[in-house]
Amino acid sequence: MKRTFAGLARGPVLGALLVLMPGTAGADVLPKSMRGEWASDLAACPEQASEIKMTVEPKSVLFYEHGYEIRRVVRLKDGSLKASGFAVADDGRARGSITLKLLSADTLQARGEIYHRCKK
């Protein structure tokens, strides 16, 4: 099952994401090459709710209990992308950013960790 803001209603933060997500028309989006489900351990891919999974969508990066609403994407000199907007968690929402770097078609670095693409 694909995780989206609506699908994250497993915890309080996820319901809050729905309320806090204003329209983002014209906002930058993350590239298709980064979109999908990722896990730091491929064994976690079949699990619907795993603390070591991440879902990248056009305008969001979602983890188990928190996420990022993306408003702006900037390519850095090293080829990574800095996605800025809002970090949303159980304790609220604040400006935040996350840096993502596609190392290969099936390997993505985020927050200093390596994630592997989950196959469908």
C-alpha atoms as a PDB file:
ATOM      1  CA  MET A   1       0.000   0.000   0.000  1.00  0.00           C
ATOM      2  CA  LYS A   2       1.440   3.352  -1.017  1.00  0.00           C
ATOM      3  CA  ARG A   3       1.947   5.798   1.834  1.00  0.00           C
ATOM      4  CA  THR A   4       0.607   9.283   1.251  1.00  0.00           C
ATOM      5  CA  PHE A   5      -0.326  12.075   3.616  1.00  0.00           C
ATOM      6  CA  ALA A   6      -3.825  10.552   3.772  1.00  0.00           C
ATOM      7  CA  GLY A   7      -2.398   7.082   4.316  1.00  0.00           C
ATOM      8  CA  LEU A   8      -0.264   8.248   7.223  1.00  0.00           C
ATOM      9  CA  ALA A   9      -3.199   8.510   9.601  1.00  0.00           C
ATOM     10  CA  ARG A  10      -1.566   5.815  11.763  1.00  0.00           C
ATOM     11  CA  GLY A  11      -0.432   8.445  14.237  1.00  0.00           C
ATOM     12  CA  PRO A  12      -1.261  11.975  15.353  1.00  0.00           C
ATOM     13  CA  VAL A  13       1.357  13.605  13.122  1.00  0.00           C
ATOM     14  CA  LEU A  14      -0.119  12.049  10.061  1.00  0.00           C
ATOM     15  CA  GLY A  15      -3.552  13.464  10.607  1.00  0.00           C
ATOM     16  CA  ALA A  16      -1.964  16.850  11.251  1.00  0.00           C
ATOM     17  CA  LEU A  17      -0.233  16.672   7.873  1.00  0.00           C
ATOM     18  CA  LEU A  18      -3.590  16.706   6.138  1.00  0.00           C
ATOM     19  CA  VAL A  19      -4.725  19.819   7.956  1.00  0.00           C
ATOM     20  CA  LEU A  20      -1.452  21.678   7.485  1.00  0.00           C
ATOM     21  CA  MET A  21      -0.979  21.075   3.787  1.00  0.00           C
ATOM     22  CA  PRO A  22      -2.067  24.226   1.926  1.00  0.00           C
ATOM     23  CA  GLY A  23      -2.159  24.418  -1.873  1.00  0.00           C
ATOM     24  CA  THR A  24       1.225  24.169  -3.537  1.00  0.00           C
ATOM     25  CA  ALA A  25       0.449  25.147  -7.108  1.00  0.00           C
ATOM     26  CA  GLY A  26       3.622  26.010  -8.963  1.00  0.00           C
ATOM     27  CA  ALA A  27       5.887  24.616  -6.229  1.00  0.00           C
ATOM     28  CA  ASP A  28       9.044  22.746  -7.164  1.00  0.00           C
ATOM     29  CA  VAL A  29       8.804  18.968  -7.195  1.00  0.00           C
ATOM     30  CA  LEU A  30      11.222  16.132  -6.569  1.00  0.00           C
ATOM     31  CA  PRO A  31      12.286  14.300  -9.747  1.00  0.00           C
ATOM     32  CA  LYS A  32      10.632  11.063 -10.844  1.00  0.00           C
ATOM     33  CA  SER A  33      13.962   9.267 -10.481  1.00  0.00           C
ATOM     34  CA  MET A  34      13.762   9.760  -6.677  1.00  0.00           C
ATOM     35  CA  ARG A  35      10.088   8.998  -6.202  1.00  0.00           C
ATOM     36  CA  GLY A  36       8.895   5.797  -4.622  1.00  0.00           C
ATOM     37  CA  GLU A  37       9.385   3.679  -1.532  1.00  0.00           C
ATOM     38  CA  TRP A  38      12.840   3.280  -0.039  1.00  0.00           C
ATOM     39  CA  ALA A  39      14.251   1.417   2.984  1.00  0.00           C
ATOM     40  CA  SER A  40      17.618   1.416   4.699  1.00  0.00           C
ATOM     41  CA  ASP A  41      17.258  -2.386   4.845  1.00  0.00           C
ATOM     42  CA  LEU A  42      15.514  -4.116   1.927  1.00  0.00           C
ATOM     43  CA  ALA A  43      13.971  -6.629   4.355  1.00  0.00           C
ATOM     44  CA  ALA A  44      11.699  -3.809   5.581  1.00  0.00           C
ATOM     45  CA  CYS A  45      10.180  -3.174   2.142  1.00  0.00           C
ATOM     46  CA  PRO A  46       7.193  -5.551   2.523  1.00  0.00           C
ATOM     47  CA  GLU A  47       6.249  -4.006   5.884  1.00  0.00           C
ATOM     48  CA  GLN A  48       3.536  -1.363   5.565  1.00  0.00           C
ATOM     49  CA  ALA A  49       4.669   0.549   8.667  1.00  0.00           C
ATOM     50  CA  SER A  50       8.409   0.455   9.231  1.00  0.00           C
ATOM     51  CA  GLU A  51      10.610   2.950  11.013  1.00  0.00           C
ATOM     52  CA  ILE A  52      13.372   2.441   8.448  1.00  0.00           C
ATOM     53  CA  LYS A  53      11.287   3.216   5.354  1.00  0.00           C
ATOM     54  CA  MET A  54      10.904   6.466   3.467  1.00  0.00           C
ATOM     55  CA  THR A  55       8.468   7.442   0.722  1.00  0.00           C
ATOM     56  CA  VAL A  56       9.411  10.161  -1.762  1.00  0.00           C
ATOM     57  CA  GLU A  57       6.531  11.867  -3.554  1.00  0.00           C
ATOM     58  CA  PRO A  58       6.566  14.905  -5.861  1.00  0.00           C
ATOM     59  CA  LYS A  59       6.074  17.389  -3.003  1.00  0.00           C
ATOM     60  CA  SER A  60       6.793  15.379   0.136  1.00  0.00           C
ATOM     61  CA  VAL A  61       9.249  13.045   1.837  1.00  0.00           C
ATOM     62  CA  LEU A  62       7.561  10.786   4.380  1.00  0.00           C
ATOM     63  CA  PHE A  63       9.019   8.742   7.206  1.00  0.00           C
ATOM     64  CA  TYR A  64       7.240   6.615   9.823  1.00  0.00           C
ATOM     65  CA  GLU A  65       6.305   9.416  12.239  1.00  0.00           C
ATOM     66  CA  HIS A  66       7.327  12.591  10.442  1.00  0.00           C
ATOM     67  CA  GLY A  67       7.705  14.096   7.037  1.00  0.00           C
ATOM     68  CA  TYR A  68       8.609  17.102   4.931  1.00  0.00           C
ATOM     69  CA  GLU A  69       6.247  19.214   2.847  1.00  0.00           C
ATOM     70  CA  ILE A  70       8.366  20.400  -0.071  1.00  0.00           C
ATOM     71  CA  ARG A  71       8.052  23.973  -1.356  1.00  0.00           C
ATOM     72  CA  ARG A  72      11.395  24.500  -3.084  1.00  0.00           C
ATOM     73  CA  VAL A  73      13.996  22.189  -4.597  1.00  0.00           C
ATOM     74  CA  VAL A  74      17.536  23.403  -5.266  1.00  0.00           C
ATOM     75  CA  ARG A  75      20.295  21.376  -6.941  1.00  0.00           C
ATOM     76  CA  LEU A  76      23.585  21.649  -5.034  1.00  0.00           C
ATOM     77  CA  LYS A  77      27.080  21.549  -6.579  1.00  0.00           C
ATOM     78  CA  ASP A  78      27.600  17.900  -5.572  1.00  0.00           C
ATOM     79  CA  GLY A  79      24.454  16.850  -7.476  1.00  0.00           C
ATOM     80  CA  SER A  80      22.285  16.433  -4.398  1.00  0.00           C
ATOM     81  CA  LEU A  81      18.953  18.190  -4.005  1.00  0.00           C
ATOM     82  CA  LYS A  82      18.057  20.366  -1.048  1.00  0.00           C
ATOM     83  CA  ALA A  83      14.294  20.235  -0.575  1.00  0.00           C
ATOM     84  CA  SER A  84      13.009  23.035   1.660  1.00  0.00           C
ATOM     85  CA  GLY A  85       9.612  23.625   3.149  1.00  0.00           C
ATOM     86  CA  PHE A  86       8.162  22.364   6.401  1.00  0.00           C
ATOM     87  CA  ALA A  87       9.123  19.507   8.679  1.00  0.00           C
ATOM     88  CA  VAL A  88       6.015  18.000  10.254  1.00  0.00           C
ATOM     89  CA  ALA A  89       6.015  15.721  13.303  1.00  0.00           C
ATOM     90  CA  ASP A  90       3.861  14.851  16.313  1.00  0.00           C
ATOM     91  CA  ASP A  91       5.065  17.965  18.109  1.00  0.00           C
ATOM     92  CA  GLY A  92       4.140  20.387  15.315  1.00  0.00           C
ATOM     93  CA  ARG A  93       5.347  21.967  12.129  1.00  0.00           C
ATOM     94  CA  ALA A  94       8.426  24.106  11.528  1.00  0.00           C
ATOM     95  CA  ARG A  95      10.484  25.278   8.599  1.00  0.00           C
ATOM     96  CA  GLY A  96      12.874  22.566   7.598  1.00  0.00           C
ATOM     97  CA  SER A  97      14.757  20.945   4.778  1.00  0.00           C
ATOM     98  CA  ILE A  98      16.131  17.602   3.737  1.00  0.00           C
ATOM     99  CA  THR A  99      18.976  16.850   1.354  1.00  0.00           C
ATOM    100  CA  LEU A 100      18.605  13.904  -1.029  1.00  0.00           C
ATOM    101  CA  LYS A 101      21.239  12.488  -3.347  1.00  0.00           C
ATOM    102  CA  LEU A 102      20.571   9.773  -5.890  1.00  0.00           C
ATOM    103  CA  LEU A 103      23.684   7.569  -5.836  1.00  0.00           C
ATOM    104  CA  SER A 104      22.320   5.102  -8.402  1.00  0.00           C
ATOM    105  CA  ALA A 105      18.904   4.230  -9.831  1.00  0.00           C
ATOM    106  CA  ASP A 106      18.237   2.104  -6.728  1.00  0.00           C
ATOM    107  CA  THR A 107      20.253   3.892  -4.030  1.00  0.00           C
ATOM    108  CA  LEU A 108      19.388   7.213  -2.403  1.00  0.00           C
ATOM    109  CA  GLN A 109      21.145   9.076   0.383  1.00  0.00           C
ATOM    110  CA  ALA A 110      18.948  11.037   2.815  1.00  0.00           C
ATOM    111  CA  ARG A 111      19.837  12.478   6.213  1.00  0.00           C
ATOM    112  CA  GLY A 112      23.225  10.773   6.072  1.00  0.00           C
ATOM    113  CA  GLU A 113      21.715   7.298   5.594  1.00  0.00           C
ATOM    114  CA  ILE A 114      21.642   5.089   2.514  1.00  0.00           C
ATOM    115  CA  TYR A 115      18.222   3.896   1.343  1.00  0.00           C
ATOM    116  CA  HIS A 116      17.509   1.188  -1.243  1.00  0.00           C
ATOM    117  CA  ARG A 117      14.576   1.282  -3.650  1.00  0.00           C
ATOM    118  CA  CYS A 118      11.810  -1.112  -2.700  1.00  0.00           C
ATOM    119  CA  LYS A 119      10.744  -3.189  -5.694  1.00  0.00           C
ATOM    120  CA  LYS A 120       7.037  -3.621  -6.372  1.00  0.00           C
END
